[in-house]
Amino acid sequence: MAWDTEGTRRRLRDAALVEFAAHGYEGTTVAAIAARAQVNKERLYSYFGGKRALWDLVLSTELERLAAAVQLTGAGLDDVGEFAGATFDHHARHPELGRLLQWEGLQEAPPALAAVRTEHYREKVSRVAAAQHDGVLDAGLDPAHLVFALIALAAWWQTVPQLAEMVTGAGPHDAAERARRRAFVVEAARRLAAPG
């Protein structure tokens, strides 16, 4: 009987995503990932080389999914609002991403794929700076700070859902509240970036 190599790799990646999101890199063991995937832990070493390589793969895969789903393609205020709205949507559908990023920030190790990720975000900053130069967006704001603020505005709802519930009185699974939060994020992003 032949091994389902790709299926096994996928089960290990999926299990690692759950374990790393719940416990971080330090709190997750190879044995826990293998047990969740119902795979011998030797397969994990064989396919990925170890826990660090699997951590980097899981985080980079989730960030690639975010980059594919959320693009700052134009320079208009609607694009800034929709960038923030799409970021909100992605984090709402994938709350484990915020947890992974928080765990990554607590580590002593360098960020996964730091150079690639930096280039990706610097491109967004360049687009915002160009829109500011053209008078479409507020030129009085630091473009890097603006990009960071837009991401934080959109993602923080899912990153600290307990705080959002304490402030708004509604939980993360309330569909009407989620729609209100998204509308707020879009409008706040547009107002924040609007030229004076």
Protein backbone atom coordinates (compact mmCIF):
# COMPACT_ATOMS: atom_id res chain seq x y z
CA MET A 1 0.00 0.00 0.00
CA ALA A 2 1.40 3.41 -1.00
CA TRP A 3 1.66 6.28 1.44
CA ASP A 4 -0.60 9.27 0.91
CA THR A 5 2.32 11.65 1.29
CA GLU A 6 0.46 14.84 0.42
CA GLY A 7 -2.51 13.90 2.63
CA THR A 8 -0.19 13.17 5.54
CA ARG A 9 1.70 16.43 5.03
CA ARG A 10 -1.60 18.34 4.93
CA ARG A 11 -2.85 16.65 8.13
CA LEU A 12 0.41 17.54 9.86
CA ARG A 13 0.23 21.17 8.68
CA ASP A 14 -3.41 21.45 9.75
CA ALA A 15 -2.66 19.91 13.14
CA ALA A 16 0.34 22.19 13.59
CA LEU A 17 -1.81 25.25 12.81
CA VAL A 18 -4.25 24.31 15.58
CA GLU A 19 -1.52 23.45 18.09
CA PHE A 20 0.67 26.47 17.37
CA ALA A 21 -2.31 28.86 17.48
CA ALA A 22 -3.39 27.42 20.83
CA HIS A 23 -0.01 27.00 22.51
CA GLY A 24 2.61 28.93 20.52
CA TYR A 25 5.90 27.56 19.33
CA GLU A 26 7.33 26.94 22.79
CA GLY A 27 4.18 25.35 24.16
CA THR A 28 3.66 22.95 21.29
CA THR A 29 5.38 19.59 21.02
CA VAL A 30 6.05 17.43 18.01
CA ALA A 31 4.21 14.64 19.83
CA ALA A 32 1.07 16.82 20.20
CA ILE A 33 1.10 17.74 16.51
CA ALA A 34 1.58 14.12 15.47
CA ALA A 35 -1.16 12.93 17.83
CA ARG A 36 -3.64 15.52 16.52
CA ALA A 37 -2.79 14.52 12.94
CA GLN A 38 -2.94 10.83 13.86
CA VAL A 39 0.48 10.38 12.29
CA ASN A 40 3.69 8.92 13.68
CA LYS A 41 5.93 11.80 14.77
CA GLU A 42 8.77 10.33 12.70
CA ARG A 43 6.76 11.35 9.60
CA LEU A 44 6.82 14.95 10.80
CA TYR A 45 10.61 14.86 11.00
CA SER A 46 10.80 13.09 7.66
CA TYR A 47 8.52 15.55 5.84
CA PHE A 48 9.41 18.82 7.56
CA GLY A 49 12.72 18.32 9.33
CA GLY A 50 11.47 19.47 12.73
CA LYS A 51 9.22 21.76 14.69
CA ARG A 52 10.92 25.05 13.68
CA ALA A 53 10.59 24.31 9.96
CA LEU A 54 6.94 23.38 10.45
CA TRP A 55 6.31 26.58 12.47
CA ASP A 56 7.84 28.68 9.70
CA LEU A 57 5.78 26.83 7.07
CA VAL A 58 2.51 27.22 8.99
CA LEU A 59 3.03 30.92 9.63
CA SER A 60 4.25 31.70 6.11
CA THR A 61 1.34 29.75 4.58
CA GLU A 62 -1.20 31.70 6.65
CA LEU A 63 0.46 34.99 5.73
CA GLU A 64 0.47 34.04 2.04
CA ARG A 65 -3.25 33.34 2.29
CA LEU A 66 -3.74 36.77 3.87
CA ALA A 67 -1.70 38.47 1.14
CA ALA A 68 -3.71 36.72 -1.57
CA ALA A 69 -7.02 37.66 0.05
CA VAL A 70 -6.17 41.26 0.96
CA GLN A 71 -4.62 43.64 -1.53
CA LEU A 72 -4.16 47.37 -1.52
CA THR A 73 -4.48 47.77 -5.26
CA GLY A 74 -5.64 51.32 -5.73
CA ALA A 75 -5.06 54.68 -4.21
CA GLY A 76 -8.58 55.93 -3.55
CA LEU A 77 -10.28 56.19 -0.21
CA ASP A 78 -12.63 53.40 -1.19
CA ASP A 79 -9.60 51.18 -1.73
CA VAL A 80 -8.21 52.06 1.70
CA GLY A 81 -11.58 51.28 3.26
CA GLU A 82 -11.93 48.05 1.34
CA PHE A 83 -8.35 47.08 2.21
CA ALA A 84 -9.29 47.47 5.89
CA GLY A 85 -12.60 45.65 5.33
CA ALA A 86 -10.92 42.75 3.53
CA THR A 87 -8.34 42.55 6.31
CA PHE A 88 -11.18 42.45 8.86
CA ASP A 89 -12.93 39.69 6.88
CA HIS A 90 -9.82 37.55 6.59
CA HIS A 91 -9.02 37.78 10.30
CA ALA A 92 -12.66 37.04 11.16
CA ARG A 93 -12.54 33.88 9.03
CA HIS A 94 -9.06 32.92 10.29
CA PRO A 95 -8.73 34.02 13.93
CA GLU A 96 -5.79 31.65 14.38
CA LEU A 97 -3.64 34.04 12.31
CA GLY A 98 -3.78 36.74 14.99
CA ARG A 99 -2.87 34.19 17.63
CA LEU A 100 0.09 32.95 15.57
CA LEU A 101 1.34 36.51 15.12
CA GLN A 102 1.03 37.19 18.84
CA TRP A 103 2.96 34.03 19.65
CA GLU A 104 5.60 34.99 17.09
CA GLY A 105 5.99 38.38 18.77
CA LEU A 106 6.69 36.69 22.11
CA GLN A 107 9.56 34.60 20.74
CA GLU A 108 13.23 35.43 20.87
CA ALA A 109 13.69 33.97 17.37
CA PRO A 110 13.53 36.20 14.28
CA PRO A 111 10.18 36.39 12.47
CA ALA A 112 9.42 33.78 9.83
CA LEU A 113 10.32 34.97 6.32
CA ALA A 114 11.09 38.45 7.63
CA ALA A 115 12.65 39.73 4.40
CA VAL A 116 9.73 38.61 2.21
CA ARG A 117 7.16 39.93 4.64
CA THR A 118 8.97 43.25 5.01
CA GLU A 119 9.06 43.70 1.23
CA HIS A 120 5.33 42.92 1.01
CA TYR A 121 4.42 45.55 3.60
CA ARG A 122 6.89 48.13 2.30
CA GLU A 123 5.13 47.87 -1.07
CA LYS A 124 1.86 48.76 0.66
CA VAL A 125 3.60 51.71 2.33
CA SER A 126 4.90 52.86 -1.07
CA ARG A 127 1.39 52.75 -2.55
CA VAL A 128 0.03 54.81 0.32
CA ALA A 129 2.91 57.31 0.02
CA ALA A 130 2.21 57.68 -3.72
CA ALA A 131 -1.48 58.32 -2.99
CA GLN A 132 -0.48 60.89 -0.38
CA HIS A 133 1.83 62.58 -2.89
CA ASP A 134 -1.07 62.73 -5.38
CA GLY A 135 -3.33 64.34 -2.76
CA VAL A 136 -5.70 61.37 -2.58
CA LEU A 137 -4.77 60.44 0.99
CA ASP A 138 -3.77 62.59 3.96
CA ALA A 139 -0.14 63.57 3.41
CA GLY A 140 0.23 64.63 7.04
CA LEU A 141 0.35 61.03 8.24
CA ASP A 142 3.44 58.85 8.13
CA PRO A 143 2.57 56.28 5.43
CA ALA A 144 4.12 53.37 7.34
CA HIS A 145 2.20 54.32 10.48
CA LEU A 146 -0.99 54.63 8.45
CA VAL A 147 -0.60 51.14 6.96
CA PHE A 148 0.08 49.70 10.41
CA ALA A 149 -2.92 51.55 11.88
CA LEU A 150 -5.22 50.23 9.14
CA ILE A 151 -4.10 46.67 9.78
CA ALA A 152 -4.48 47.07 13.54
CA LEU A 153 -7.90 48.68 13.14
CA ALA A 154 -9.09 45.70 11.12
CA ALA A 155 -7.37 42.80 12.87
CA TRP A 156 -7.55 43.70 16.53
CA TRP A 157 -11.26 42.78 16.76
CA GLN A 158 -10.37 39.11 16.32
CA THR A 159 -7.02 39.26 18.07
CA VAL A 160 -8.61 40.23 21.39
CA PRO A 161 -12.25 39.13 21.03
CA GLN A 162 -12.78 39.22 24.80
CA LEU A 163 -11.98 42.94 24.85
CA ALA A 164 -14.24 43.61 21.87
CA GLU A 165 -17.07 41.83 23.67
CA MET A 166 -16.48 43.77 26.90
CA VAL A 167 -16.52 47.08 25.04
CA THR A 168 -19.44 46.39 22.66
CA GLY A 169 -21.47 43.89 24.67
CA ALA A 170 -21.62 41.50 21.70
CA GLY A 171 -19.65 38.34 21.06
CA PRO A 172 -17.62 37.43 17.98
CA HIS A 173 -20.33 35.10 16.63
CA ASP A 174 -23.08 37.73 16.54
CA ALA A 175 -23.56 38.23 12.77
CA ALA A 176 -25.23 41.64 13.09
CA GLU A 177 -22.45 42.91 15.36
CA ARG A 178 -19.80 41.53 13.00
CA ALA A 179 -21.40 43.47 10.13
CA ARG A 180 -21.47 46.65 12.26
CA ARG A 181 -17.81 46.18 13.18
CA ARG A 182 -16.82 45.69 9.54
CA ALA A 183 -18.76 48.79 8.46
CA PHE A 184 -17.06 50.76 11.23
CA VAL A 185 -13.61 49.53 10.15
CA VAL A 186 -14.23 50.54 6.52
CA GLU A 187 -15.59 53.99 7.42
CA ALA A 188 -12.93 54.66 10.06
CA ALA A 189 -10.16 53.71 7.61
CA ARG A 190 -11.58 56.09 5.00
CA ARG A 191 -11.87 58.94 7.50
CA LEU A 192 -8.44 58.31 8.94
CA ALA A 193 -6.81 58.44 5.51
CA ALA A 194 -8.91 61.28 4.04
CA PRO A 195 -6.98 64.42 3.13
CA GLY A 196 -7.54 67.35 5.49
